[in-house]
Amino acid sequence: MSSIGTSIRQFIERRRDHRRRDVIIIAGMLIVILLLAWWRPTLPTSQDIAALTAQWGASGPLTLMITIILESVIAPIPGTFISIAAGALYGVWPGVLYVWVANVIGSSLSFVIARSLGRRVVVRIVKPESLSRYDAFFRRNPLLIFLAYMMPVLFPVDMMGYVLGLARMRYRKFIVYVTLGFAVNLTILTAFGSQLLDASNSVRLLYLAGMVVLVLIALYIQKRIARTYS
C-alpha cells in the first residue's frame, strides 16, 4: 500500500511541476507582449542591421553556424529564436542557407553519436525518459517524423537526431527527413525574422501572439505524448 501511495504522490507532484512550468512560460510571453504594447520600442531597421552585419564580414555567418551546431549536439533545445535572429540579420536569403546547413550538420552529428556510441552516452545529454517517450511515439507514428522536422516549434527536433539514431533508422532515410523538413521549417522562421524589423508595432504584436499560440500548441502536444507514453 505504501508503494501505491508513493506512486500516486509522485504522479501528482509531476503533474504539478508540469503545470507550473506551463504557467511560467505562458505568463512570461504574455508579459513580453504587454510590455511591447505599452513601451512601443523603436527597433533597428533592416538597413541598420545590414550595416552591422557588413562590419562582421565572414565571421558573422560562421559564428552563427557554429553556435547552431553546438546547440544541436551539446544542448539539444529548440533553436527557433536563433533561426528568427538569422532572418533578421541576413534576410531570408542567405539567412535560411546558413541555418539550414548548420542544422543539417548538427542533426547528423547527433544521429552519428547515437548510432556509434549508443544509449549510455546519449543519456548524458538527453533525459532518459524523454528519449523513451519520443522513441515510443515515433515508432507508433512514423509518418509524423517528417512533419516534426517541417513544423517550427512543435517538436524538440534537436533531440530527435539522438532518438532516431538509437532507433536504428537508416541514415539515408534520416537525411531525407532532415534536409527536406528543415528546408520548410527554417524558411518560415527566417522569413518571419526578416519581416519583423520593418513591420509596424501592431503587426509585431500579431507575430508575437502567433508565437504564443505555437508555444501553447507545442506544450499541449508534448503533454499528450507524456501522458500516453510515460
C-alpha atoms as a PDB file:
ATOM      1  CA  MET A   1       0.000   0.000   0.000  1.00  0.00           C
ATOM      2  CA  SER A   2       2.844   2.373   0.823  1.00  0.00           C
ATOM      3  CA  SER A   3       4.367   1.910  -2.648  1.00  0.00           C
ATOM      4  CA  ILE A   4       0.991   2.692  -4.249  1.00  0.00           C
ATOM      5  CA  GLY A   5       0.677   5.837  -2.129  1.00  0.00           C
ATOM      6  CA  THR A   6       4.202   6.875  -3.078  1.00  0.00           C
ATOM      7  CA  SER A   7       3.483   6.369  -6.796  1.00  0.00           C
ATOM      8  CA  ILE A   8       0.301   8.422  -6.604  1.00  0.00           C
ATOM      9  CA  ARG A   9       2.098  11.216  -4.742  1.00  0.00           C
ATOM     10  CA  GLN A  10       4.929  11.259  -7.301  1.00  0.00           C
ATOM     11  CA  PHE A  11       2.411  11.405 -10.149  1.00  0.00           C
ATOM     12  CA  ILE A  12       0.590  14.367  -8.563  1.00  0.00           C
ATOM     13  CA  GLU A  13       3.863  16.191  -7.926  1.00  0.00           C
ATOM     14  CA  ARG A  14       4.991  15.589 -11.509  1.00  0.00           C
ATOM     15  CA  ARG A  15       1.721  16.950 -12.898  1.00  0.00           C
ATOM     16  CA  ARG A  16       2.039  19.962 -10.585  1.00  0.00           C
ATOM     17  CA  ASP A  17       5.562  20.640 -11.894  1.00  0.00           C
ATOM     18  CA  HIS A  18       4.326  20.474 -15.496  1.00  0.00           C
ATOM     19  CA  ARG A  19       1.502  22.912 -14.776  1.00  0.00           C
ATOM     20  CA  ARG A  20       3.872  25.302 -13.027  1.00  0.00           C
ATOM     21  CA  ARG A  21       6.258  25.243 -15.989  1.00  0.00           C
ATOM     22  CA  ASP A  22       3.425  25.873 -18.455  1.00  0.00           C
ATOM     23  CA  VAL A  23       2.107  28.790 -16.416  1.00  0.00           C
ATOM     24  CA  ILE A  24       5.583  30.356 -16.185  1.00  0.00           C
ATOM     25  CA  ILE A  25       6.148  30.097 -19.965  1.00  0.00           C
ATOM     26  CA  ILE A  26       2.747  31.470 -20.904  1.00  0.00           C
ATOM     27  CA  ALA A  27       2.875  34.261 -18.311  1.00  0.00           C
ATOM     28  CA  GLY A  28       6.358  35.266 -19.448  1.00  0.00           C
ATOM     29  CA  MET A  29       5.321  35.552 -23.084  1.00  0.00           C
ATOM     30  CA  LEU A  30       2.159  37.490 -22.215  1.00  0.00           C
ATOM     31  CA  ILE A  31       4.216  39.906 -20.114  1.00  0.00           C
ATOM     32  CA  VAL A  32       6.579  40.478 -23.045  1.00  0.00           C
ATOM     33  CA  ILE A  33       3.637  41.216 -25.365  1.00  0.00           C
ATOM     34  CA  LEU A  34       2.066  43.625 -22.868  1.00  0.00           C
ATOM     35  CA  LEU A  35       5.383  45.409 -22.301  1.00  0.00           C
ATOM     36  CA  LEU A  36       5.930  45.829 -26.035  1.00  0.00           C
ATOM     37  CA  ALA A  37       2.374  47.105 -26.485  1.00  0.00           C
ATOM     38  CA  TRP A  38       2.910  49.681 -23.742  1.00  0.00           C
ATOM     39  CA  TRP A  39       6.537  50.585 -24.428  1.00  0.00           C
ATOM     40  CA  ARG A  40       6.404  50.519 -28.264  1.00  0.00           C
ATOM     41  CA  PRO A  41      10.200  50.411 -28.700  1.00  0.00           C
ATOM     42  CA  THR A  42      11.834  51.538 -31.926  1.00  0.00           C
ATOM     43  CA  LEU A  43      13.635  48.517 -33.336  1.00  0.00           C
ATOM     44  CA  PRO A  44      16.540  48.859 -35.768  1.00  0.00           C
ATOM     45  CA  THR A  45      15.555  48.791 -39.422  1.00  0.00           C
ATOM     46  CA  SER A  46      16.820  46.317 -41.990  1.00  0.00           C
ATOM     47  CA  GLN A  47      19.243  48.997 -43.239  1.00  0.00           C
ATOM     48  CA  ASP A  48      20.736  49.341 -39.734  1.00  0.00           C
ATOM     49  CA  ILE A  49      21.151  45.573 -39.470  1.00  0.00           C
ATOM     50  CA  ALA A  50      22.715  45.372 -42.945  1.00  0.00           C
ATOM     51  CA  ALA A  51      25.327  47.963 -41.937  1.00  0.00           C
ATOM     52  CA  LEU A  52      26.065  45.990 -38.748  1.00  0.00           C
ATOM     53  CA  THR A  53      26.454  42.604 -40.446  1.00  0.00           C
ATOM     54  CA  ALA A  54      28.695  44.157 -43.109  1.00  0.00           C
ATOM     55  CA  GLN A  55      31.141  45.077 -40.337  1.00  0.00           C
ATOM     56  CA  TRP A  56      31.268  41.456 -39.117  1.00  0.00           C
ATOM     57  CA  GLY A  57      32.244  40.095 -42.521  1.00  0.00           C
ATOM     58  CA  ALA A  58      32.531  36.307 -42.890  1.00  0.00           C
ATOM     59  CA  SER A  59      32.939  35.776 -39.137  1.00  0.00           C
ATOM     60  CA  GLY A  60      29.244  36.572 -38.536  1.00  0.00           C
ATOM     61  CA  PRO A  61      27.709  33.687 -40.534  1.00  0.00           C
ATOM     62  CA  LEU A  62      30.470  31.315 -39.383  1.00  0.00           C
ATOM     63  CA  THR A  63      29.837  32.125 -35.710  1.00  0.00           C
ATOM     64  CA  LEU A  64      26.094  31.702 -36.236  1.00  0.00           C
ATOM     65  CA  MET A  65      26.531  28.282 -37.853  1.00  0.00           C
ATOM     66  CA  ILE A  66      28.964  27.032 -35.203  1.00  0.00           C
ATOM     67  CA  THR A  67      26.538  28.155 -32.480  1.00  0.00           C
ATOM     68  CA  ILE A  68      23.674  26.223 -34.094  1.00  0.00           C
ATOM     69  CA  ILE A  69      25.779  23.074 -34.492  1.00  0.00           C
ATOM     70  CA  LEU A  70      26.971  23.157 -30.871  1.00  0.00           C
ATOM     71  CA  GLU A  71      23.453  23.881 -29.620  1.00  0.00           C
ATOM     72  CA  SER A  72      22.103  20.928 -31.626  1.00  0.00           C
ATOM     73  CA  VAL A  73      24.685  18.461 -30.302  1.00  0.00           C
ATOM     74  CA  ILE A  74      25.606  19.593 -26.792  1.00  0.00           C
ATOM     75  CA  ALA A  75      22.410  21.287 -25.612  1.00  0.00           C
ATOM     76  CA  PRO A  76      19.573  19.891 -27.758  1.00  0.00           C
ATOM     77  CA  ILE A  77      16.920  22.570 -27.246  1.00  0.00           C
ATOM     78  CA  PRO A  78      14.694  24.180 -29.869  1.00  0.00           C
ATOM     79  CA  GLY A  79      16.716  26.728 -31.866  1.00  0.00           C
ATOM     80  CA  THR A  80      13.655  28.644 -33.023  1.00  0.00           C
ATOM     81  CA  PHE A  81      14.832  32.059 -31.894  1.00  0.00           C
ATOM     82  CA  ILE A  82      18.289  31.583 -33.411  1.00  0.00           C
ATOM     83  CA  SER A  83      16.671  30.990 -36.803  1.00  0.00           C
ATOM     84  CA  ILE A  84      14.447  34.051 -36.383  1.00  0.00           C
ATOM     85  CA  ALA A  85      17.521  36.102 -35.475  1.00  0.00           C
ATOM     86  CA  ALA A  86      19.299  34.804 -38.594  1.00  0.00           C
ATOM     87  CA  GLY A  87      16.402  36.051 -40.699  1.00  0.00           C
ATOM     88  CA  ALA A  88      16.609  39.462 -39.049  1.00  0.00           C
ATOM     89  CA  LEU A  89      20.378  39.647 -39.519  1.00  0.00           C
ATOM     90  CA  TYR A  90      20.801  38.240 -43.013  1.00  0.00           C
ATOM     91  CA  GLY A  91      17.326  38.143 -44.569  1.00  0.00           C
ATOM     92  CA  VAL A  92      15.555  35.091 -45.918  1.00  0.00           C
ATOM     93  CA  TRP A  93      18.459  34.539 -48.279  1.00  0.00           C
ATOM     94  CA  PRO A  94      21.223  33.768 -47.379  1.00  0.00           C
ATOM     95  CA  GLY A  95      19.986  33.519 -43.749  1.00  0.00           C
ATOM     96  CA  VAL A  96      17.992  30.352 -44.438  1.00  0.00           C
ATOM     97  CA  LEU A  97      21.048  28.790 -46.111  1.00  0.00           C
ATOM     98  CA  TYR A  98      23.220  29.388 -43.030  1.00  0.00           C
ATOM     99  CA  VAL A  99      20.755  27.917 -40.552  1.00  0.00           C
ATOM    100  CA  TRP A 100      19.753  25.059 -42.893  1.00  0.00           C
ATOM    101  CA  VAL A 101      23.322  23.861 -43.414  1.00  0.00           C
ATOM    102  CA  ALA A 102      24.151  24.205 -39.706  1.00  0.00           C
ATOM    103  CA  ASN A 103      21.012  22.353 -38.573  1.00  0.00           C
ATOM    104  CA  VAL A 104      21.572  19.510 -41.039  1.00  0.00           C
ATOM    105  CA  ILE A 105      25.181  19.149 -39.812  1.00  0.00           C
ATOM    106  CA  GLY A 106      24.154  19.344 -36.142  1.00  0.00           C
ATOM    107  CA  SER A 107      21.342  16.813 -36.543  1.00  0.00           C
ATOM    108  CA  SER A 108      23.627  14.466 -38.483  1.00  0.00           C
ATOM    109  CA  LEU A 109      26.248  14.659 -35.748  1.00  0.00           C
ATOM    110  CA  SER A 110      23.704  13.811 -33.028  1.00  0.00           C
ATOM    111  CA  PHE A 111      22.456  10.908 -35.165  1.00  0.00           C
ATOM    112  CA  VAL A 112      26.002   9.587 -35.674  1.00  0.00           C
ATOM    113  CA  ILE A 113      26.817   9.966 -31.960  1.00  0.00           C
ATOM    114  CA  ALA A 114      23.730   7.956 -31.015  1.00  0.00           C
ATOM    115  CA  ARG A 115      24.419   5.302 -33.648  1.00  0.00           C
ATOM    116  CA  SER A 116      28.140   4.976 -32.839  1.00  0.00           C
ATOM    117  CA  LEU A 117      28.289   5.452 -29.071  1.00  0.00           C
ATOM    118  CA  GLY A 118      24.887   4.158 -28.015  1.00  0.00           C
ATOM    119  CA  ARG A 119      22.366   4.973 -25.338  1.00  0.00           C
ATOM    120  CA  ARG A 120      24.895   5.005 -22.492  1.00  0.00           C
ATOM    121  CA  VAL A 121      26.476   8.169 -23.906  1.00  0.00           C
ATOM    122  CA  VAL A 122      23.257   9.763 -25.175  1.00  0.00           C
ATOM    123  CA  VAL A 123      21.559   9.688 -21.742  1.00  0.00           C
ATOM    124  CA  ARG A 124      24.264  12.066 -20.520  1.00  0.00           C
ATOM    125  CA  ILE A 125      22.965  14.645 -22.992  1.00  0.00           C
ATOM    126  CA  VAL A 126      19.222  13.913 -23.146  1.00  0.00           C
ATOM    127  CA  LYS A 127      16.987  12.769 -20.284  1.00  0.00           C
ATOM    128  CA  PRO A 128      16.319   9.004 -20.490  1.00  0.00           C
ATOM    129  CA  GLU A 129      12.569   9.460 -20.008  1.00  0.00           C
ATOM    130  CA  SER A 130      12.446  11.931 -22.926  1.00  0.00           C
ATOM    131  CA  LEU A 131      14.322   9.507 -25.163  1.00  0.00           C
ATOM    132  CA  SER A 132      11.990   6.637 -24.287  1.00  0.00           C
ATOM    133  CA  ARG A 133       8.872   8.771 -24.667  1.00  0.00           C
ATOM    134  CA  TYR A 134       9.680  10.144 -28.126  1.00  0.00           C
ATOM    135  CA  ASP A 135      11.082   6.823 -29.298  1.00  0.00           C
ATOM    136  CA  ALA A 136       7.757   5.143 -28.433  1.00  0.00           C
ATOM    137  CA  PHE A 137       5.795   7.990 -30.036  1.00  0.00           C
ATOM    138  CA  PHE A 138       7.644   7.940 -33.364  1.00  0.00           C
ATOM    139  CA  ARG A 139       7.684   4.146 -33.527  1.00  0.00           C
ATOM    140  CA  ARG A 140       3.896   4.233 -33.342  1.00  0.00           C
ATOM    141  CA  ASN A 141       3.580   7.306 -35.598  1.00  0.00           C
ATOM    142  CA  PRO A 142       6.443   7.082 -38.145  1.00  0.00           C
ATOM    143  CA  LEU A 143       4.662   9.300 -40.672  1.00  0.00           C
ATOM    144  CA  LEU A 144       4.910  12.211 -38.223  1.00  0.00           C
ATOM    145  CA  ILE A 145       8.721  12.255 -38.312  1.00  0.00           C
ATOM    146  CA  PHE A 146       8.834  14.446 -41.422  1.00  0.00           C
ATOM    147  CA  LEU A 147       6.088  16.686 -40.020  1.00  0.00           C
ATOM    148  CA  ALA A 148       8.100  17.090 -36.805  1.00  0.00           C
ATOM    149  CA  TYR A 149      11.073  18.428 -38.750  1.00  0.00           C
ATOM    150  CA  MET A 150       8.914  20.568 -41.007  1.00  0.00           C
ATOM    151  CA  MET A 151       6.818  22.425 -38.392  1.00  0.00           C
ATOM    152  CA  PRO A 152       8.512  25.188 -36.337  1.00  0.00           C
ATOM    153  CA  VAL A 153       8.399  24.950 -32.527  1.00  0.00           C
ATOM    154  CA  LEU A 154       6.081  21.938 -32.198  1.00  0.00           C
ATOM    155  CA  PHE A 155       8.691  19.203 -31.614  1.00  0.00           C
ATOM    156  CA  PRO A 156      12.165  19.236 -29.998  1.00  0.00           C
ATOM    157  CA  VAL A 157      13.864  18.477 -33.307  1.00  0.00           C
ATOM    158  CA  ASP A 158      17.407  18.803 -31.968  1.00  0.00           C
ATOM    159  CA  MET A 159      16.732  15.867 -29.651  1.00  0.00           C
ATOM    160  CA  MET A 160      15.261  13.799 -32.467  1.00  0.00           C
ATOM    161  CA  GLY A 161      18.653  13.096 -34.020  1.00  0.00           C
ATOM    162  CA  TYR A 162      19.535  11.131 -30.890  1.00  0.00           C
ATOM    163  CA  VAL A 163      16.130   9.426 -30.759  1.00  0.00           C
ATOM    164  CA  LEU A 164      16.228   8.299 -34.393  1.00  0.00           C
ATOM    165  CA  GLY A 165      19.884   7.299 -34.168  1.00  0.00           C
ATOM    166  CA  LEU A 166      19.066   4.950 -31.311  1.00  0.00           C
ATOM    167  CA  ALA A 167      16.000   3.680 -33.193  1.00  0.00           C
ATOM    168  CA  ARG A 168      18.272   2.170 -35.858  1.00  0.00           C
ATOM    169  CA  MET A 169      16.798   4.244 -38.687  1.00  0.00           C
ATOM    170  CA  ARG A 170      18.934   4.231 -41.814  1.00  0.00           C
ATOM    171  CA  TYR A 171      20.961   7.398 -42.229  1.00  0.00           C
ATOM    172  CA  ARG A 172      19.834   7.739 -45.859  1.00  0.00           C
ATOM    173  CA  LYS A 173      16.218   7.927 -44.734  1.00  0.00           C
ATOM    174  CA  PHE A 174      17.086  10.224 -41.835  1.00  0.00           C
ATOM    175  CA  ILE A 175      18.934  12.750 -44.003  1.00  0.00           C
ATOM    176  CA  VAL A 176      15.958  12.974 -46.400  1.00  0.00           C
ATOM    177  CA  TYR A 177      13.648  13.822 -43.483  1.00  0.00           C
ATOM    178  CA  VAL A 178      16.119  16.356 -42.109  1.00  0.00           C
ATOM    179  CA  THR A 179      17.070  18.171 -45.307  1.00  0.00           C
ATOM    180  CA  LEU A 180      13.537  18.486 -46.675  1.00  0.00           C
ATOM    181  CA  GLY A 181      11.867  19.131 -43.329  1.00  0.00           C
ATOM    182  CA  PHE A 182      14.339  21.800 -42.248  1.00  0.00           C
ATOM    183  CA  ALA A 183      14.045  23.494 -45.659  1.00  0.00           C
ATOM    184  CA  VAL A 184      10.379  24.231 -44.906  1.00  0.00           C
ATOM    185  CA  ASN A 185      10.802  24.876 -41.175  1.00  0.00           C
ATOM    186  CA  LEU A 186      13.723  27.276 -41.417  1.00  0.00           C
ATOM    187  CA  THR A 187      12.358  29.180 -44.403  1.00  0.00           C
ATOM    188  CA  ILE A 188       9.275  30.011 -42.331  1.00  0.00           C
ATOM    189  CA  LEU A 189      11.344  31.121 -39.334  1.00  0.00           C
ATOM    190  CA  THR A 190      13.894  33.193 -41.245  1.00  0.00           C
ATOM    191  CA  ALA A 191      11.131  34.856 -43.279  1.00  0.00           C
ATOM    192  CA  PHE A 192       9.431  35.708 -40.001  1.00  0.00           C
ATOM    193  CA  GLY A 193      12.662  37.233 -38.661  1.00  0.00           C
ATOM    194  CA  SER A 194      13.381  39.218 -41.824  1.00  0.00           C
ATOM    195  CA  GLN A 195       9.922  40.820 -41.803  1.00  0.00           C
ATOM    196  CA  LEU A 196       9.919  41.532 -38.089  1.00  0.00           C
ATOM    197  CA  LEU A 197      12.264  44.534 -38.218  1.00  0.00           C
ATOM    198  CA  ASP A 198      10.308  46.602 -40.723  1.00  0.00           C
ATOM    199  CA  ALA A 199       6.831  45.620 -39.528  1.00  0.00           C
ATOM    200  CA  SER A 200       4.599  48.072 -37.686  1.00  0.00           C
ATOM    201  CA  ASN A 201       4.103  47.741 -33.939  1.00  0.00           C
ATOM    202  CA  SER A 202       0.640  46.236 -34.392  1.00  0.00           C
ATOM    203  CA  VAL A 203       1.978  43.626 -36.806  1.00  0.00           C
ATOM    204  CA  ARG A 204       4.797  42.761 -34.388  1.00  0.00           C
ATOM    205  CA  LEU A 205       2.234  42.167 -31.673  1.00  0.00           C
ATOM    206  CA  LEU A 206       0.344  39.856 -34.004  1.00  0.00           C
ATOM    207  CA  TYR A 207       3.577  37.975 -34.712  1.00  0.00           C
ATOM    208  CA  LEU A 208       4.251  37.589 -31.005  1.00  0.00           C
ATOM    209  CA  ALA A 209       0.676  36.449 -30.384  1.00  0.00           C
ATOM    210  CA  GLY A 210       1.180  33.836 -33.101  1.00  0.00           C
ATOM    211  CA  MET A 211       4.341  32.646 -31.337  1.00  0.00           C
ATOM    212  CA  VAL A 212       2.375  32.295 -28.096  1.00  0.00           C
ATOM    213  CA  VAL A 213      -0.215  30.174 -29.898  1.00  0.00           C
ATOM    214  CA  LEU A 214       2.516  27.943 -31.364  1.00  0.00           C
ATOM    215  CA  VAL A 215       4.120  27.507 -27.939  1.00  0.00           C
ATOM    216  CA  LEU A 216       0.749  26.582 -26.434  1.00  0.00           C
ATOM    217  CA  ILE A 217       0.183  24.008 -29.176  1.00  0.00           C
ATOM    218  CA  ALA A 218       3.684  22.619 -28.626  1.00  0.00           C
ATOM    219  CA  LEU A 219       3.085  22.331 -24.872  1.00  0.00           C
ATOM    220  CA  TYR A 220      -0.211  20.557 -25.491  1.00  0.00           C
ATOM    221  CA  ILE A 221       1.367  18.067 -27.907  1.00  0.00           C
ATOM    222  CA  GLN A 222       4.254  17.348 -25.537  1.00  0.00           C
ATOM    223  CA  LYS A 223       1.882  16.841 -22.617  1.00  0.00           C
ATOM    224  CA  ARG A 224      -0.231  14.440 -24.672  1.00  0.00           C
ATOM    225  CA  ILE A 225       2.886  12.481 -25.581  1.00  0.00           C
ATOM    226  CA  ALA A 226       3.978  12.448 -21.933  1.00  0.00           C
ATOM    227  CA  ARG A 227       0.600  11.146 -20.761  1.00  0.00           C
ATOM    228  CA  THR A 228       0.403   8.474 -23.451  1.00  0.00           C
ATOM    229  CA  TYR A 229       3.948   7.160 -23.363  1.00  0.00           C
ATOM    230  CA  SER A 230       5.068   7.706 -19.766  1.00  0.00           C
END
